[in-house]
């Protein structure tokens, strides 16, 4: 539960800061500034990869623990683990696609 509280304490202020930055209009005179879309995309991918890595690590740990306790069910647990890892990885890939589209928008 401490991790969830820490994540909320970090994520909420960042989201509150990000919204006004995205709403600002481009200054007259054009370029030279920071491309916030690319920075936001990089941050989003970092968060998605971090969350995906944590999820995959916990899923693998639980599956290995289950296989060690009941070797007879190892085949079913392994199949379920591979499917779960594919779903977790697909969510990270979706985050990559959304971040790339968001960076192209800005």
C-alpha atoms as a PDB file:
ATOM      1  CA  UNK A   1       0.000   0.000   0.000  1.00  0.00           C
ATOM      2  CA  UNK A   2       2.955   2.318   0.571  1.00  0.00           C
ATOM      3  CA  UNK A   3       3.891   2.047  -3.106  1.00  0.00           C
ATOM      4  CA  UNK A   4       0.420   3.179  -4.126  1.00  0.00           C
ATOM      5  CA  UNK A   5       0.576   6.172  -1.785  1.00  0.00           C
ATOM      6  CA  UNK A   6       4.024   7.102  -3.104  1.00  0.00           C
ATOM      7  CA  UNK A   7       2.842   6.783  -6.704  1.00  0.00           C
ATOM      8  CA  UNK A   8      -0.137   9.046  -5.971  1.00  0.00           C
ATOM      9  CA  UNK A   9       2.080  11.597  -4.248  1.00  0.00           C
ATOM     10  CA  UNK A  10       4.357  11.724  -7.292  1.00  0.00           C
ATOM     11  CA  UNK A  11       1.881  11.303 -10.152  1.00  0.00           C
ATOM     12  CA  UNK A  12      -0.835  13.753  -9.100  1.00  0.00           C
ATOM     13  CA  UNK A  13       1.441  16.839  -8.891  1.00  0.00           C
ATOM     14  CA  UNK A  14       3.037  15.912 -12.220  1.00  0.00           C
ATOM     15  CA  UNK A  15      -0.351  15.609 -13.879  1.00  0.00           C
ATOM     16  CA  UNK A  16      -1.453  18.955 -12.437  1.00  0.00           C
ATOM     17  CA  UNK A  17       1.655  20.601 -13.874  1.00  0.00           C
ATOM     18  CA  UNK A  18       1.340  18.868 -17.253  1.00  0.00           C
ATOM     19  CA  UNK A  19      -2.214  20.033 -18.033  1.00  0.00           C
ATOM     20  CA  UNK A  20      -1.500  23.802 -18.148  1.00  0.00           C
ATOM     21  CA  UNK A  21       1.670  23.221 -20.165  1.00  0.00           C
ATOM     22  CA  UNK A  22      -0.258  21.301 -22.804  1.00  0.00           C
ATOM     23  CA  UNK A  23      -2.905  24.049 -22.959  1.00  0.00           C
ATOM     24  CA  UNK A  24      -0.460  26.850 -23.715  1.00  0.00           C
ATOM     25  CA  UNK A  25      -0.394  28.286 -27.189  1.00  0.00           C
ATOM     26  CA  UNK A  26       2.757  28.494 -29.215  1.00  0.00           C
ATOM     27  CA  UNK A  27       4.640  31.743 -28.787  1.00  0.00           C
ATOM     28  CA  UNK A  28       4.883  34.106 -31.708  1.00  0.00           C
ATOM     29  CA  UNK A  29       8.114  33.738 -33.590  1.00  0.00           C
ATOM     30  CA  UNK A  30       8.135  29.969 -33.800  1.00  0.00           C
ATOM     31  CA  UNK A  31      10.652  27.431 -32.657  1.00  0.00           C
ATOM     32  CA  UNK A  32      13.557  27.302 -30.325  1.00  0.00           C
ATOM     33  CA  UNK A  33      11.539  26.135 -27.338  1.00  0.00           C
ATOM     34  CA  UNK A  34      11.198  22.835 -25.608  1.00  0.00           C
ATOM     35  CA  UNK A  35       9.015  20.292 -27.371  1.00  0.00           C
ATOM     36  CA  UNK A  36       6.774  19.297 -24.476  1.00  0.00           C
ATOM     37  CA  UNK A  37       5.019  16.633 -26.521  1.00  0.00           C
ATOM     38  CA  UNK A  38       8.187  14.622 -26.927  1.00  0.00           C
ATOM     39  CA  UNK A  39       9.080  15.033 -23.254  1.00  0.00           C
ATOM     40  CA  UNK A  40       5.588  13.940 -22.214  1.00  0.00           C
ATOM     41  CA  UNK A  41       5.815  10.927 -24.526  1.00  0.00           C
ATOM     42  CA  UNK A  42       9.178   9.951 -23.044  1.00  0.00           C
ATOM     43  CA  UNK A  43       7.766  10.270 -19.529  1.00  0.00           C
ATOM     44  CA  UNK A  44       4.692   8.211 -20.445  1.00  0.00           C
ATOM     45  CA  UNK A  45       6.807   5.450 -21.933  1.00  0.00           C
ATOM     46  CA  UNK A  46       9.064   5.464 -18.883  1.00  0.00           C
ATOM     47  CA  UNK A  47       6.090   5.070 -16.546  1.00  0.00           C
ATOM     48  CA  UNK A  48       4.535   2.360 -18.743  1.00  0.00           C
ATOM     49  CA  UNK A  49       7.792   0.420 -18.995  1.00  0.00           C
ATOM     50  CA  UNK A  50       8.341   0.706 -15.240  1.00  0.00           C
ATOM     51  CA  UNK A  51       4.833  -0.522 -14.476  1.00  0.00           C
ATOM     52  CA  UNK A  52       5.089  -3.311 -17.030  1.00  0.00           C
ATOM     53  CA  UNK A  53       8.427  -4.460 -15.628  1.00  0.00           C
ATOM     54  CA  UNK A  54       7.015  -4.518 -12.096  1.00  0.00           C
ATOM     55  CA  UNK A  55       3.967  -6.462 -13.249  1.00  0.00           C
ATOM     56  CA  UNK A  56       6.022  -8.964 -15.203  1.00  0.00           C
ATOM     57  CA  UNK A  57       8.390  -9.462 -12.296  1.00  0.00           C
ATOM     58  CA  UNK A  58       5.568 -10.099  -9.852  1.00  0.00           C
ATOM     59  CA  UNK A  59       3.747 -12.428 -12.264  1.00  0.00           C
ATOM     60  CA  UNK A  60       6.904 -14.438 -12.895  1.00  0.00           C
ATOM     61  CA  UNK A  61       7.674 -14.611  -9.184  1.00  0.00           C
ATOM     62  CA  UNK A  62       4.197 -15.863  -8.370  1.00  0.00           C
ATOM     63  CA  UNK A  63       4.257 -18.407 -11.202  1.00  0.00           C
ATOM     64  CA  UNK A  64       7.637 -19.794 -10.154  1.00  0.00           C
ATOM     65  CA  UNK A  65       6.455 -20.009  -6.567  1.00  0.00           C
ATOM     66  CA  UNK A  66       3.349 -21.891  -7.693  1.00  0.00           C
ATOM     67  CA  UNK A  67       5.405 -24.265  -9.822  1.00  0.00           C
ATOM     68  CA  UNK A  68       7.744 -24.958  -6.922  1.00  0.00           C
ATOM     69  CA  UNK A  69       4.852 -25.760  -4.597  1.00  0.00           C
ATOM     70  CA  UNK A  70       2.978 -27.926  -7.083  1.00  0.00           C
ATOM     71  CA  UNK A  71       5.229 -29.321  -9.836  1.00  0.00           C
ATOM     72  CA  UNK A  72       2.326 -31.278 -11.313  1.00  0.00           C
ATOM     73  CA  UNK A  73       0.586 -28.046 -12.332  1.00  0.00           C
ATOM     74  CA  UNK A  74       3.715 -26.518 -13.865  1.00  0.00           C
ATOM     75  CA  UNK A  75       2.464 -26.897 -17.438  1.00  0.00           C
ATOM     76  CA  UNK A  76      -0.803 -25.054 -16.804  1.00  0.00           C
ATOM     77  CA  UNK A  77       0.912 -22.371 -14.741  1.00  0.00           C
ATOM     78  CA  UNK A  78       3.570 -21.858 -17.435  1.00  0.00           C
ATOM     79  CA  UNK A  79       0.932 -21.472 -20.163  1.00  0.00           C
ATOM     80  CA  UNK A  80      -1.025 -18.991 -18.082  1.00  0.00           C
ATOM     81  CA  UNK A  81       2.173 -17.086 -17.264  1.00  0.00           C
ATOM     82  CA  UNK A  82       3.136 -16.730 -20.926  1.00  0.00           C
ATOM     83  CA  UNK A  83      -0.334 -15.432 -21.812  1.00  0.00           C
ATOM     84  CA  UNK A  84      -0.252 -12.976 -18.883  1.00  0.00           C
ATOM     85  CA  UNK A  85       3.207 -11.724 -19.876  1.00  0.00           C
ATOM     86  CA  UNK A  86       1.990 -11.194 -23.445  1.00  0.00           C
ATOM     87  CA  UNK A  87      -0.955  -9.130 -22.171  1.00  0.00           C
ATOM     88  CA  UNK A  88       1.297  -7.043 -19.929  1.00  0.00           C
ATOM     89  CA  UNK A  89       3.728  -6.420 -22.771  1.00  0.00           C
ATOM     90  CA  UNK A  90       0.896  -5.475 -25.131  1.00  0.00           C
ATOM     91  CA  UNK A  91      -0.225  -2.778 -22.683  1.00  0.00           C
ATOM     92  CA  UNK A  92       3.282  -1.286 -22.748  1.00  0.00           C
ATOM     93  CA  UNK A  93       3.247  -1.370 -26.567  1.00  0.00           C
ATOM     94  CA  UNK A  94      -0.152   0.372 -26.565  1.00  0.00           C
ATOM     95  CA  UNK A  95       1.324   3.041 -24.295  1.00  0.00           C
ATOM     96  CA  UNK A  96       4.173   3.454 -26.789  1.00  0.00           C
ATOM     97  CA  UNK A  97       1.728   3.936 -29.648  1.00  0.00           C
ATOM     98  CA  UNK A  98      -0.369   6.439 -27.691  1.00  0.00           C
ATOM     99  CA  UNK A  99       2.752   8.347 -26.637  1.00  0.00           C
ATOM    100  CA  UNK A 100       4.030   8.498 -30.203  1.00  0.00           C
ATOM    101  CA  UNK A 101       0.669   9.785 -31.426  1.00  0.00           C
ATOM    102  CA  UNK A 102       0.649  12.343 -28.601  1.00  0.00           C
ATOM    103  CA  UNK A 103       4.158  13.508 -29.480  1.00  0.00           C
ATOM    104  CA  UNK A 104       3.120  13.914 -33.137  1.00  0.00           C
ATOM    105  CA  UNK A 105       0.100  15.959 -32.009  1.00  0.00           C
ATOM    106  CA  UNK A 106       2.249  18.577 -30.288  1.00  0.00           C
END
